[in-house]
Amino acid sequence: MKFCPKCGSNNLNYLPWLGEIYECRDCGYRGALVVEDGEMAEALKDAVAGRGERQQNDK
């Protein structure tokens, strides 16, 4: 399974007419780099969630 390197989501759309390009339907990331390690994807999701909490606490 492939995961978004920006948010860890597996909600990816493959865009074959652009080459090896994937687009994340959750965060909008578009690129050739994807994560294929489920543990790393979970760590990315945790990091993204933590970043959102920190930004809200800074306000």
Protein backbone atom coordinates (compact mmCIF):
# COMPACT_ATOMS: atom_id res chain seq x y z
CA MET A 1 0.00 0.00 0.00
CA LYS A 2 1.18 3.52 -0.75
CA PHE A 3 0.89 6.51 1.59
CA CYS A 4 1.27 10.28 1.23
CA PRO A 5 4.67 11.51 2.48
CA LYS A 6 3.12 14.78 3.68
CA CYS A 7 0.16 13.58 5.77
CA GLY A 8 0.41 9.77 5.87
CA SER A 9 -2.96 9.21 4.19
CA ASN A 10 -3.51 6.25 1.87
CA ASN A 11 -6.14 8.21 -0.06
CA LEU A 12 -3.94 8.64 -3.14
CA ASN A 13 -4.94 9.11 -6.75
CA TYR A 14 -2.50 7.77 -9.37
CA LEU A 15 -2.05 10.13 -12.32
CA PRO A 16 -0.52 7.88 -15.03
CA TRP A 17 -0.69 10.48 -17.80
CA LEU A 18 1.83 12.59 -15.86
CA GLY A 19 4.30 9.74 -15.30
CA GLU A 20 4.76 8.23 -11.83
CA ILE A 21 2.78 10.99 -10.11
CA TYR A 22 0.42 10.58 -7.17
CA GLU A 23 -2.01 13.12 -5.75
CA CYS A 24 -3.23 12.97 -2.15
CA ARG A 25 -6.96 13.56 -1.91
CA ASP A 26 -6.63 14.64 1.73
CA CYS A 27 -3.85 17.25 1.75
CA GLY A 28 -3.32 18.02 -1.95
CA TYR A 29 0.28 16.74 -2.14
CA ARG A 30 1.30 15.92 -5.71
CA GLY A 31 4.54 14.17 -6.57
CA ALA A 32 6.39 10.98 -7.41
CA LEU A 33 7.56 10.28 -3.86
CA VAL A 34 5.24 8.03 -1.84
CA VAL A 35 5.75 6.05 1.37
CA GLU A 36 5.25 2.28 1.22
CA ASP A 37 5.96 1.57 4.91
CA GLY A 38 2.79 1.50 7.04
CA GLU A 39 4.68 2.26 10.27
CA MET A 40 6.27 5.34 8.73
CA ALA A 41 2.86 6.47 7.46
CA GLU A 42 1.44 6.19 11.00
CA ALA A 43 4.36 8.26 12.32
CA LEU A 44 3.62 10.90 9.66
CA LYS A 45 -0.05 11.01 10.67
CA ASP A 46 0.94 11.44 14.32
CA ALA A 47 3.39 14.21 13.43
CA VAL A 48 0.79 16.04 11.34
CA ALA A 49 -1.79 15.73 14.13
CA GLY A 50 0.72 17.02 16.69
CA ARG A 51 1.65 19.95 14.48
CA GLY A 52 -2.03 20.96 14.25
CA GLU A 53 -2.40 20.84 18.04
CA ARG A 54 0.72 22.97 18.52
CA GLN A 55 -0.49 25.58 16.04
CA GLN A 56 -3.81 25.88 17.88
CA ASN A 57 -2.01 26.20 21.24
CA ASP A 58 0.19 29.00 19.85
CA LYS A 59 -2.85 31.20 19.18
